[in-house]
Amino acid sequence: MKTRILALSLLVFSVAGVRAQSMDILGFYGDWQGADCTVLDQTPGLIVVYVFHQTSGATSVLFNATPPACWTAILVGVVPVGDCGSRCSVPDALELLYGECLSGTVHVADLNFFGLGTTGPCCAYLPLPAAEVPSGRIEVVDCDGNIRYAIASPAIANPDASCPCEPTIPVEETTWGRVKALYSQAE
C-alpha cells in the first residue's frame, strides 16, 4: 500500500510539473494536415514541408528552418500563413507572426523545395533555434507577450524500417481529480 501511495505521489508531482509548463511543439510534416512526418525525395520535383505549431496559446514563433546536410532538396521559398515581414527569406531566422492569439494545432508556413531525388534514407529535418537567439531554443511568444520555448518535431525524408516516422506526441494536461479517478479504477 505504501508503494502505491508513493507511486501516486510521484505521479501527481510529475503531472503538476507538466501542467505548470505549457508545452509547445513546432513540427515539420509531409502532409497539409500535420499528421504525417514522412517526406519523400525520390524523384525530381516540388516538395512541400508543412510547418505546424501545437500550442496552448501563442502569437508568434521564431525558429531556424535550414535543412541538414543529408537533405539535398533546394529551398525555393517560404510561404507563411500569417505575416513574417522581411524574415521569410532567411531560413536561419524565420519569425512567423500570427496576428492574434491562436491555440491548438496552427498551420504557420509551407517550406517549398525543389527535390533532386537524391536525399538518402532516414534524413531527419527538424526546426532548430534561430541563430540570433541567446537562449539557444525555439522561441514562442504567448498571448500575454511572454517568451516560452517549443520542442522540435522532425520530418523524416525517405524513412525506412530503421527510422520510422514518429512525430512528437504532446503530454495531455490533467487535474488532480482525473489522476484520482485513474487510481481508483486501477484497484
N, C-alpha and C. Protein backbone atom coordinates (compact mmCIF):
# COMPACT_ATOMS: atom_id res chain seq x y z
N MET A 1 0.82 -1.20 0.00
CA MET A 1 0.00 0.00 0.00
C MET A 1 0.87 1.27 0.00
N LYS A 2 1.95 1.25 0.81
CA LYS A 2 2.84 2.40 0.85
C LYS A 2 3.48 2.64 -0.51
N THR A 3 3.77 1.56 -1.23
CA THR A 3 4.35 1.69 -2.56
C THR A 3 3.38 2.39 -3.50
N ARG A 4 2.09 2.02 -3.41
CA ARG A 4 1.07 2.66 -4.26
C ARG A 4 0.94 4.15 -3.94
N ILE A 5 0.96 4.48 -2.67
CA ILE A 5 0.83 5.89 -2.28
C ILE A 5 2.05 6.67 -2.75
N LEU A 6 3.24 6.10 -2.60
CA LEU A 6 4.45 6.75 -3.08
C LEU A 6 4.41 6.94 -4.59
N ALA A 7 4.00 5.90 -5.31
CA ALA A 7 3.90 6.00 -6.77
C ALA A 7 2.88 7.05 -7.18
N LEU A 8 1.74 7.09 -6.48
CA LEU A 8 0.71 8.09 -6.79
C LEU A 8 1.23 9.49 -6.50
N SER A 9 1.96 9.66 -5.40
CA SER A 9 2.53 10.97 -5.07
C SER A 9 3.51 11.44 -6.15
N LEU A 10 4.37 10.52 -6.59
CA LEU A 10 5.32 10.87 -7.65
C LEU A 10 4.60 11.24 -8.93
N LEU A 11 3.54 10.50 -9.27
CA LEU A 11 2.76 10.79 -10.47
C LEU A 11 2.13 12.18 -10.37
N VAL A 12 1.58 12.51 -9.20
CA VAL A 12 0.94 13.81 -9.01
C VAL A 12 1.96 14.93 -9.18
N PHE A 13 3.14 14.79 -8.57
CA PHE A 13 4.15 15.83 -8.70
C PHE A 13 4.63 15.94 -10.14
N SER A 14 4.73 14.83 -10.85
CA SER A 14 5.12 14.86 -12.26
C SER A 14 4.07 15.57 -13.09
N VAL A 15 2.80 15.24 -12.86
CA VAL A 15 1.71 15.87 -13.62
C VAL A 15 1.64 17.35 -13.29
N ALA A 16 1.84 17.71 -12.03
CA ALA A 16 1.81 19.13 -11.65
C ALA A 16 2.91 19.90 -12.37
N GLY A 17 4.10 19.29 -12.50
CA GLY A 17 5.19 19.94 -13.21
C GLY A 17 4.87 20.13 -14.67
N VAL A 18 4.23 19.13 -15.30
CA VAL A 18 3.85 19.24 -16.71
C VAL A 18 2.80 20.31 -16.88
N ARG A 19 1.84 20.37 -15.95
CA ARG A 19 0.76 21.34 -16.04
C ARG A 19 1.30 22.76 -15.90
N ALA A 20 2.30 22.96 -15.03
CA ALA A 20 2.83 24.30 -14.82
C ALA A 20 3.54 24.83 -16.06
N GLN A 21 4.09 23.94 -16.85
CA GLN A 21 4.77 24.35 -18.07
C GLN A 21 3.88 24.02 -19.26
N SER A 22 3.48 25.03 -20.02
CA SER A 22 2.71 24.71 -21.21
C SER A 22 3.69 24.20 -22.26
N MET A 23 3.26 23.20 -23.00
CA MET A 23 4.17 22.57 -23.96
C MET A 23 3.80 22.99 -25.37
N ASP A 24 4.75 23.60 -26.04
CA ASP A 24 4.59 23.95 -27.44
C ASP A 24 5.44 22.98 -28.26
N ILE A 25 4.92 22.58 -29.40
CA ILE A 25 5.67 21.72 -30.31
C ILE A 25 5.64 22.37 -31.68
N LEU A 26 6.81 22.56 -32.27
CA LEU A 26 6.91 23.06 -33.63
C LEU A 26 7.40 21.90 -34.47
N GLY A 27 6.58 21.51 -35.46
CA GLY A 27 6.93 20.33 -36.23
C GLY A 27 6.89 20.54 -37.72
N PHE A 28 7.69 19.74 -38.42
CA PHE A 28 7.71 19.69 -39.89
C PHE A 28 6.99 18.42 -40.31
N TYR A 29 6.13 18.53 -41.32
CA TYR A 29 5.29 17.42 -41.77
C TYR A 29 5.27 17.33 -43.29
N GLY A 30 4.95 16.15 -43.77
CA GLY A 30 4.86 15.92 -45.21
C GLY A 30 3.45 16.04 -45.74
N ASP A 31 2.47 16.29 -44.88
CA ASP A 31 1.09 16.43 -45.33
C ASP A 31 0.49 17.73 -44.80
N TRP A 32 -0.51 18.23 -45.50
CA TRP A 32 -1.10 19.52 -45.16
C TRP A 32 -1.97 19.48 -43.91
N GLN A 33 -2.17 18.29 -43.31
CA GLN A 33 -2.96 18.18 -42.09
C GLN A 33 -2.08 18.12 -40.83
N GLY A 34 -0.77 18.00 -41.02
CA GLY A 34 0.13 17.94 -39.88
C GLY A 34 0.04 16.62 -39.13
N ALA A 35 -0.19 15.53 -39.85
CA ALA A 35 -0.32 14.22 -39.23
C ALA A 35 0.80 13.26 -39.60
N ASP A 36 1.43 13.46 -40.75
CA ASP A 36 2.43 12.52 -41.25
C ASP A 36 3.77 13.24 -41.41
N CYS A 37 4.78 12.76 -40.71
CA CYS A 37 6.08 13.40 -40.79
C CYS A 37 6.95 12.83 -41.92
N THR A 38 6.38 11.98 -42.76
CA THR A 38 7.11 11.42 -43.89
C THR A 38 7.21 12.42 -45.04
N VAL A 39 8.43 12.63 -45.53
CA VAL A 39 8.67 13.46 -46.71
C VAL A 39 9.45 12.60 -47.69
N LEU A 40 9.00 12.57 -48.94
CA LEU A 40 9.68 11.76 -49.94
C LEU A 40 10.44 12.64 -50.93
N ASP A 41 11.71 12.31 -51.13
CA ASP A 41 12.54 12.96 -52.15
C ASP A 41 13.19 11.83 -52.95
N GLN A 42 12.38 11.23 -53.82
CA GLN A 42 12.86 10.08 -54.59
C GLN A 42 12.89 10.34 -56.09
N THR A 43 12.21 11.39 -56.53
CA THR A 43 12.25 11.82 -57.93
C THR A 43 12.32 13.34 -57.94
N PRO A 44 12.90 13.94 -58.96
CA PRO A 44 12.95 15.40 -59.02
C PRO A 44 11.55 16.02 -59.05
N GLY A 45 11.40 17.14 -58.35
CA GLY A 45 10.12 17.84 -58.35
C GLY A 45 9.89 18.62 -57.07
N LEU A 46 8.71 19.21 -56.96
CA LEU A 46 8.34 20.05 -55.82
C LEU A 46 8.11 19.20 -54.58
N ILE A 47 8.68 19.64 -53.47
CA ILE A 47 8.44 19.03 -52.16
C ILE A 47 7.98 20.16 -51.24
N VAL A 48 6.86 19.94 -50.58
CA VAL A 48 6.37 20.92 -49.61
C VAL A 48 6.50 20.32 -48.22
N VAL A 49 7.16 21.05 -47.34
CA VAL A 49 7.23 20.68 -45.94
C VAL A 49 6.33 21.66 -45.20
N TYR A 50 5.33 21.11 -44.52
CA TYR A 50 4.34 21.93 -43.82
C TYR A 50 4.80 22.13 -42.37
N VAL A 51 4.71 23.37 -41.89
CA VAL A 51 5.13 23.71 -40.54
C VAL A 51 3.88 23.93 -39.69
N PHE A 52 3.78 23.16 -38.61
CA PHE A 52 2.65 23.27 -37.68
C PHE A 52 3.16 23.56 -36.27
N HIS A 53 2.40 24.37 -35.56
CA HIS A 53 2.72 24.73 -34.18
C HIS A 53 1.57 24.25 -33.30
N GLN A 54 1.85 23.32 -32.39
CA GLN A 54 0.86 22.87 -31.41
C GLN A 54 1.08 23.71 -30.16
N THR A 55 0.06 24.46 -29.77
CA THR A 55 0.23 25.42 -28.69
C THR A 55 -1.04 25.59 -27.86
N SER A 56 -0.85 26.00 -26.62
CA SER A 56 -1.99 26.33 -25.77
C SER A 56 -2.36 27.80 -25.93
N GLY A 57 -1.60 28.54 -26.71
CA GLY A 57 -1.89 29.93 -26.99
C GLY A 57 -0.62 30.69 -27.31
N ALA A 58 -0.51 31.20 -28.53
CA ALA A 58 0.70 31.92 -28.95
C ALA A 58 0.36 32.96 -30.00
N THR A 59 1.26 33.95 -30.13
CA THR A 59 1.10 34.99 -31.15
C THR A 59 2.21 34.96 -32.19
N SER A 60 3.32 34.24 -31.90
CA SER A 60 4.40 34.14 -32.88
C SER A 60 5.37 33.03 -32.49
N VAL A 61 6.22 32.68 -33.47
CA VAL A 61 7.29 31.70 -33.23
C VAL A 61 8.51 32.13 -34.03
N LEU A 62 9.70 31.89 -33.47
CA LEU A 62 10.96 32.23 -34.12
C LEU A 62 11.82 30.97 -34.14
N PHE A 63 12.24 30.55 -35.36
CA PHE A 63 13.00 29.31 -35.48
C PHE A 63 13.89 29.34 -36.71
N ASN A 64 14.69 28.30 -36.85
CA ASN A 64 15.62 28.13 -37.96
C ASN A 64 15.12 26.94 -38.80
N ALA A 65 14.97 27.14 -40.10
CA ALA A 65 14.48 26.08 -40.99
C ALA A 65 15.56 25.62 -41.97
N THR A 66 16.83 25.85 -41.64
CA THR A 66 17.91 25.41 -42.52
C THR A 66 17.96 23.89 -42.54
N PRO A 67 17.90 23.27 -43.73
CA PRO A 67 17.93 21.81 -43.80
C PRO A 67 19.30 21.25 -43.41
N PRO A 68 19.33 19.99 -42.95
CA PRO A 68 20.60 19.36 -42.61
C PRO A 68 21.38 18.98 -43.87
N ALA A 69 22.62 18.61 -43.70
CA ALA A 69 23.49 18.26 -44.84
C ALA A 69 22.96 17.06 -45.63
N CYS A 70 22.25 16.15 -44.98
CA CYS A 70 21.73 14.97 -45.68
C CYS A 70 20.57 15.31 -46.62
N TRP A 71 19.99 16.49 -46.48
CA TRP A 71 18.84 16.94 -47.27
C TRP A 71 19.36 17.59 -48.54
N THR A 72 19.12 17.00 -49.70
CA THR A 72 19.68 17.56 -50.94
C THR A 72 18.69 18.43 -51.72
N ALA A 73 17.44 18.52 -51.26
CA ALA A 73 16.47 19.39 -51.92
C ALA A 73 16.85 20.85 -51.68
N ILE A 74 16.48 21.72 -52.61
CA ILE A 74 16.86 23.13 -52.57
C ILE A 74 15.65 23.98 -52.18
N LEU A 75 15.81 24.79 -51.13
CA LEU A 75 14.73 25.67 -50.68
C LEU A 75 14.49 26.74 -51.73
N VAL A 76 13.26 26.82 -52.23
CA VAL A 76 12.92 27.82 -53.25
C VAL A 76 11.97 28.89 -52.72
N GLY A 77 11.38 28.67 -51.54
CA GLY A 77 10.50 29.68 -50.99
C GLY A 77 9.82 29.27 -49.71
N VAL A 78 9.50 30.30 -48.92
CA VAL A 78 8.76 30.12 -47.68
C VAL A 78 7.43 30.83 -47.87
N VAL A 79 6.34 30.11 -47.62
CA VAL A 79 5.01 30.70 -47.74
C VAL A 79 4.38 30.73 -46.35
N PRO A 80 4.39 31.91 -45.71
CA PRO A 80 3.81 31.98 -44.36
C PRO A 80 2.28 31.99 -44.43
N VAL A 81 1.65 31.43 -43.42
CA VAL A 81 0.19 31.52 -43.33
C VAL A 81 -0.18 32.88 -42.76
N GLY A 82 0.64 33.41 -41.86
CA GLY A 82 0.44 34.74 -41.29
C GLY A 82 1.39 35.73 -41.94
N ASP A 83 2.04 36.53 -41.09
CA ASP A 83 2.95 37.56 -41.57
C ASP A 83 4.35 37.28 -41.03
N CYS A 84 5.35 37.58 -41.81
CA CYS A 84 6.72 37.47 -41.31
C CYS A 84 7.59 38.62 -41.79
N GLY A 85 7.01 39.57 -42.46
CA GLY A 85 7.78 40.73 -42.88
C GLY A 85 8.98 40.35 -43.69
N SER A 86 10.14 40.88 -43.33
CA SER A 86 11.36 40.64 -44.10
C SER A 86 12.07 39.36 -43.68
N ARG A 87 11.56 38.64 -42.71
CA ARG A 87 12.26 37.46 -42.19
C ARG A 87 11.86 36.16 -42.89
N CYS A 88 11.11 36.22 -43.96
CA CYS A 88 10.73 35.00 -44.67
C CYS A 88 11.81 34.50 -45.61
N SER A 89 12.70 35.34 -46.00
CA SER A 89 13.70 34.94 -46.99
C SER A 89 14.96 34.36 -46.36
N VAL A 90 15.05 34.40 -45.05
CA VAL A 90 16.24 33.92 -44.36
C VAL A 90 15.87 32.69 -43.55
N PRO A 91 16.19 31.47 -44.04
CA PRO A 91 15.72 30.28 -43.33
C PRO A 91 16.34 30.08 -41.95
N ASP A 92 17.46 30.77 -41.64
CA ASP A 92 18.07 30.57 -40.32
C ASP A 92 17.42 31.42 -39.22
N ALA A 93 16.44 32.26 -39.59
CA ALA A 93 15.72 33.06 -38.59
C ALA A 93 14.34 33.42 -39.13
N LEU A 94 13.44 32.44 -39.12
CA LEU A 94 12.07 32.70 -39.56
C LEU A 94 11.22 33.09 -38.36
N GLU A 95 10.66 34.29 -38.41
CA GLU A 95 9.75 34.74 -37.36
C GLU A 95 8.37 34.85 -37.98
N LEU A 96 7.47 34.00 -37.53
CA LEU A 96 6.11 33.99 -38.08
C LEU A 96 5.16 34.61 -37.06
N LEU A 97 4.49 35.68 -37.49
CA LEU A 97 3.57 36.43 -36.63
C LEU A 97 2.15 36.03 -36.97
N TYR A 98 1.37 35.64 -35.97
CA TYR A 98 0.02 35.12 -36.22
C TYR A 98 -1.04 36.21 -36.34
N GLY A 99 -0.77 37.40 -35.82
CA GLY A 99 -1.74 38.49 -35.92
C GLY A 99 -2.79 38.46 -34.83
N GLU A 100 -2.84 37.37 -34.08
CA GLU A 100 -3.78 37.23 -32.97
C GLU A 100 -3.32 36.04 -32.12
N CYS A 101 -3.98 35.85 -30.99
CA CYS A 101 -3.67 34.71 -30.13
C CYS A 101 -4.34 33.47 -30.70
N LEU A 102 -3.54 32.46 -31.05
CA LEU A 102 -4.07 31.22 -31.60
C LEU A 102 -3.69 30.06 -30.70
N SER A 103 -4.56 29.04 -30.65
CA SER A 103 -4.26 27.85 -29.87
C SER A 103 -4.68 26.61 -30.65
N GLY A 104 -4.19 25.46 -30.20
CA GLY A 104 -4.46 24.22 -30.89
C GLY A 104 -3.33 23.93 -31.87
N THR A 105 -3.66 23.25 -32.96
CA THR A 105 -2.67 22.95 -33.99
C THR A 105 -2.79 24.03 -35.06
N VAL A 106 -1.77 24.84 -35.19
CA VAL A 106 -1.78 26.01 -36.07
C VAL A 106 -0.83 25.77 -37.25
N HIS A 107 -1.36 25.84 -38.46
CA HIS A 107 -0.53 25.75 -39.67
C HIS A 107 0.11 27.12 -39.86
N VAL A 108 1.45 27.20 -39.75
CA VAL A 108 2.11 28.50 -39.76
C VAL A 108 2.85 28.82 -41.06
N ALA A 109 3.26 27.79 -41.81
CA ALA A 109 4.01 28.08 -43.04
C ALA A 109 4.18 26.81 -43.87
N ASP A 110 4.51 27.03 -45.15
CA ASP A 110 4.93 25.95 -46.05
C ASP A 110 6.34 26.27 -46.51
N LEU A 111 7.20 25.27 -46.45
CA LEU A 111 8.57 25.41 -46.96
C LEU A 111 8.61 24.67 -48.29
N ASN A 112 8.82 25.41 -49.37
CA ASN A 112 8.81 24.82 -50.71
C ASN A 112 10.24 24.52 -51.16
N PHE A 113 10.44 23.28 -51.57
CA PHE A 113 11.75 22.81 -52.02
C PHE A 113 11.65 22.25 -53.42
N PHE A 114 12.75 22.32 -54.16
CA PHE A 114 12.88 21.56 -55.39
C PHE A 114 13.71 20.34 -55.04
N GLY A 115 13.05 19.18 -55.06
CA GLY A 115 13.74 17.94 -54.74
C GLY A 115 14.52 17.43 -55.93
N LEU A 116 15.70 16.95 -55.66
CA LEU A 116 16.55 16.39 -56.71
C LEU A 116 16.40 14.87 -56.80
N GLY A 117 15.69 14.30 -55.84
CA GLY A 117 15.53 12.85 -55.81
C GLY A 117 16.76 12.14 -55.29
N THR A 118 17.64 12.87 -54.60
CA THR A 118 18.91 12.28 -54.17
C THR A 118 19.10 12.26 -52.65
N THR A 119 18.10 12.71 -51.88
CA THR A 119 18.22 12.65 -50.42
C THR A 119 18.21 11.19 -50.00
N GLY A 120 19.17 10.82 -49.17
CA GLY A 120 19.27 9.44 -48.71
C GLY A 120 18.18 9.08 -47.72
N PRO A 121 18.11 7.81 -47.33
CA PRO A 121 17.09 7.39 -46.37
C PRO A 121 17.36 7.96 -44.98
N CYS A 122 16.30 8.13 -44.23
CA CYS A 122 16.39 8.50 -42.80
C CYS A 122 16.98 9.87 -42.53
N CYS A 123 16.77 10.82 -43.41
CA CYS A 123 17.28 12.17 -43.20
C CYS A 123 16.27 12.95 -42.35
N ALA A 124 16.64 13.24 -41.11
CA ALA A 124 15.76 13.98 -40.20
C ALA A 124 15.94 15.48 -40.42
N TYR A 125 14.81 16.15 -40.66
CA TYR A 125 14.80 17.60 -40.88
C TYR A 125 13.90 18.19 -39.81
N LEU A 126 14.48 18.97 -38.91
CA LEU A 126 13.69 19.49 -37.82
C LEU A 126 13.91 20.98 -37.63
N PRO A 127 12.92 21.64 -37.04
CA PRO A 127 13.10 23.05 -36.71
C PRO A 127 14.21 23.18 -35.66
N LEU A 128 15.00 24.22 -35.81
CA LEU A 128 16.10 24.49 -34.89
C LEU A 128 15.93 25.89 -34.30
N PRO A 129 16.68 26.22 -33.27
CA PRO A 129 16.63 27.59 -32.76
C PRO A 129 17.23 28.56 -33.79
N ALA A 130 16.67 29.75 -33.85
CA ALA A 130 17.24 30.79 -34.72
C ALA A 130 18.64 31.12 -34.23
N ALA A 131 19.53 31.39 -35.16
CA ALA A 131 20.94 31.65 -34.83
C ALA A 131 21.11 32.82 -33.87
N GLU A 132 20.24 33.81 -33.96
CA GLU A 132 20.38 35.03 -33.16
C GLU A 132 19.81 34.93 -31.75
N VAL A 133 19.22 33.81 -31.38
CA VAL A 133 18.54 33.69 -30.09
C VAL A 133 19.52 33.26 -29.00
N PRO A 134 19.74 34.10 -27.98
CA PRO A 134 20.69 33.77 -26.91
C PRO A 134 20.32 32.51 -26.13
N SER A 135 19.02 32.21 -26.02
CA SER A 135 18.58 31.04 -25.23
C SER A 135 18.98 29.73 -25.91
N GLY A 136 19.22 29.76 -27.21
CA GLY A 136 19.53 28.54 -27.93
C GLY A 136 18.34 27.62 -28.07
N ARG A 137 17.12 28.19 -28.05
CA ARG A 137 15.90 27.39 -28.13
C ARG A 137 14.93 28.03 -29.13
N ILE A 138 13.95 27.25 -29.58
CA ILE A 138 12.90 27.78 -30.45
C ILE A 138 12.00 28.64 -29.58
N GLU A 139 11.88 29.92 -29.92
CA GLU A 139 11.12 30.84 -29.08
C GLU A 139 9.70 31.04 -29.57
N VAL A 140 8.78 31.07 -28.62
CA VAL A 140 7.36 31.31 -28.85
C VAL A 140 6.96 32.50 -27.99
N VAL A 141 6.14 33.39 -28.53
CA VAL A 141 5.57 34.46 -27.72
C VAL A 141 4.13 34.07 -27.43
N ASP A 142 3.81 33.96 -26.12
CA ASP A 142 2.45 33.55 -25.75
C ASP A 142 1.48 34.73 -25.85
N CYS A 143 0.25 34.49 -25.51
CA CYS A 143 -0.80 35.50 -25.68
C CYS A 143 -0.67 36.68 -24.72
N ASP A 144 0.17 36.54 -23.68
CA ASP A 144 0.41 37.62 -22.74
C ASP A 144 1.73 38.34 -23.02
N GLY A 145 2.40 37.98 -24.13
CA GLY A 145 3.65 38.62 -24.50
C GLY A 145 4.88 38.01 -23.87
N ASN A 146 4.73 36.88 -23.18
CA ASN A 146 5.85 36.21 -22.54
C ASN A 146 6.54 35.28 -23.54
N ILE A 147 7.86 35.14 -23.39
CA ILE A 147 8.60 34.20 -24.23
C ILE A 147 8.63 32.85 -23.54
N ARG A 148 8.32 31.81 -24.30
CA ARG A 148 8.49 30.44 -23.84
C ARG A 148 9.11 29.65 -24.98
N TYR A 149 9.30 28.36 -24.80
CA TYR A 149 10.07 27.59 -25.76
C TYR A 149 9.27 26.41 -26.31
N ALA A 150 9.61 26.02 -27.53
CA ALA A 150 8.94 24.91 -28.20
C ALA A 150 9.90 23.73 -28.36
N ILE A 151 9.34 22.56 -28.38
CA ILE A 151 10.06 21.33 -28.68
C ILE A 151 9.95 21.12 -30.19
N ALA A 152 11.01 20.62 -30.80
CA ALA A 152 11.02 20.38 -32.25
C ALA A 152 10.56 18.96 -32.56
N SER A 153 9.74 18.83 -33.60
CA SER A 153 9.31 17.53 -34.09
C SER A 153 9.74 17.42 -35.56
N PRO A 154 10.58 16.44 -35.89
CA PRO A 154 11.17 16.39 -37.23
C PRO A 154 10.29 15.73 -38.29
N ALA A 155 10.55 16.12 -39.52
CA ALA A 155 10.09 15.35 -40.69
C ALA A 155 11.22 14.39 -41.00
N ILE A 156 10.89 13.23 -41.53
CA ILE A 156 11.90 12.25 -41.92
C ILE A 156 11.80 12.06 -43.43
N ALA A 157 12.88 12.40 -44.13
CA ALA A 157 12.92 12.19 -45.58
C ALA A 157 13.26 10.73 -45.86
N ASN A 158 12.44 10.13 -46.70
CA ASN A 158 12.65 8.75 -47.15
C ASN A 158 12.85 7.76 -46.00
N PRO A 159 11.88 7.71 -45.05
CA PRO A 159 12.03 6.79 -43.93
C PRO A 159 11.97 5.33 -44.38
N ASP A 160 12.61 4.48 -43.61
CA ASP A 160 12.52 3.04 -43.84
C ASP A 160 12.34 2.36 -42.49
N ALA A 161 12.47 1.05 -42.43
CA ALA A 161 12.23 0.31 -41.19
C ALA A 161 13.19 0.71 -40.07
N SER A 162 14.37 1.19 -40.42
CA SER A 162 15.34 1.57 -39.38
C SER A 162 15.06 2.95 -38.79
N CYS A 163 14.21 3.73 -39.43
CA CYS A 163 13.92 5.08 -38.94
C CYS A 163 12.46 5.44 -39.22
N PRO A 164 11.53 4.75 -38.57
CA PRO A 164 10.12 5.07 -38.83
C PRO A 164 9.80 6.51 -38.44
N CYS A 165 8.86 7.06 -39.12
CA CYS A 165 8.44 8.43 -38.87
C CYS A 165 7.48 8.43 -37.69
N GLU A 166 7.92 8.96 -36.56
CA GLU A 166 7.10 9.02 -35.36
C GLU A 166 7.10 10.44 -34.83
N PRO A 167 6.06 11.21 -35.12
CA PRO A 167 6.03 12.59 -34.65
C PRO A 167 5.94 12.67 -33.13
N THR A 168 6.37 13.79 -32.59
CA THR A 168 6.31 14.03 -31.15
C THR A 168 4.85 14.12 -30.73
N ILE A 169 4.53 13.45 -29.62
CA ILE A 169 3.16 13.48 -29.10
C ILE A 169 3.17 14.30 -27.81
N PRO A 170 2.36 15.36 -27.73
CA PRO A 170 2.38 16.18 -26.53
C PRO A 170 1.74 15.46 -25.34
N VAL A 171 2.17 15.83 -24.15
CA VAL A 171 1.59 15.30 -22.93
C VAL A 171 0.30 16.06 -22.66
N GLU A 172 -0.76 15.33 -22.36
CA GLU A 172 -2.05 15.97 -22.10
C GLU A 172 -2.07 16.52 -20.68
N GLU A 173 -2.54 17.74 -20.50
CA GLU A 173 -2.69 18.31 -19.18
C GLU A 173 -3.81 17.58 -18.46
N THR A 174 -3.72 17.53 -17.12
CA THR A 174 -4.75 16.85 -16.35
C THR A 174 -4.98 17.58 -15.05
N THR A 175 -5.92 17.07 -14.26
CA THR A 175 -6.24 17.66 -12.96
C THR A 175 -6.07 16.59 -11.89
N TRP A 176 -6.06 17.03 -10.64
CA TRP A 176 -5.95 16.10 -9.53
C TRP A 176 -7.12 15.12 -9.53
N GLY A 177 -8.31 15.57 -9.84
CA GLY A 177 -9.49 14.70 -9.89
C GLY A 177 -9.33 13.59 -10.92
N ARG A 178 -8.78 13.91 -12.08
CA ARG A 178 -8.59 12.89 -13.12
C ARG A 178 -7.53 11.88 -12.69
N VAL A 179 -6.49 12.34 -11.99
CA VAL A 179 -5.47 11.41 -11.50
C VAL A 179 -6.07 10.48 -10.46
N LYS A 180 -6.88 11.01 -9.53
CA LYS A 180 -7.52 10.18 -8.50
C LYS A 180 -8.47 9.16 -9.16
N ALA A 181 -9.17 9.59 -10.22
CA ALA A 181 -10.09 8.67 -10.89
C ALA A 181 -9.32 7.52 -11.53
N LEU A 182 -8.16 7.80 -12.12
CA LEU A 182 -7.34 6.74 -12.69
C LEU A 182 -6.89 5.76 -11.63
N TYR A 183 -6.50 6.29 -10.46
CA TYR A 183 -6.03 5.43 -9.37
C TYR A 183 -7.16 4.54 -8.87
N SER A 184 -8.35 5.09 -8.69
CA SER A 184 -9.48 4.31 -8.15
C SER A 184 -9.92 3.24 -9.16
N GLN A 185 -9.74 3.48 -10.47
CA GLN A 185 -10.09 2.49 -11.48
C GLN A 185 -9.11 1.34 -11.51
N ALA A 186 -7.87 1.57 -11.06
CA ALA A 186 -6.83 0.54 -11.11
C ALA A 186 -7.00 -0.52 -10.03
N GLU A 187 -7.76 -0.24 -8.99
CA GLU A 187 -7.93 -1.22 -7.91
C GLU A 187 -8.96 -2.25 -8.24
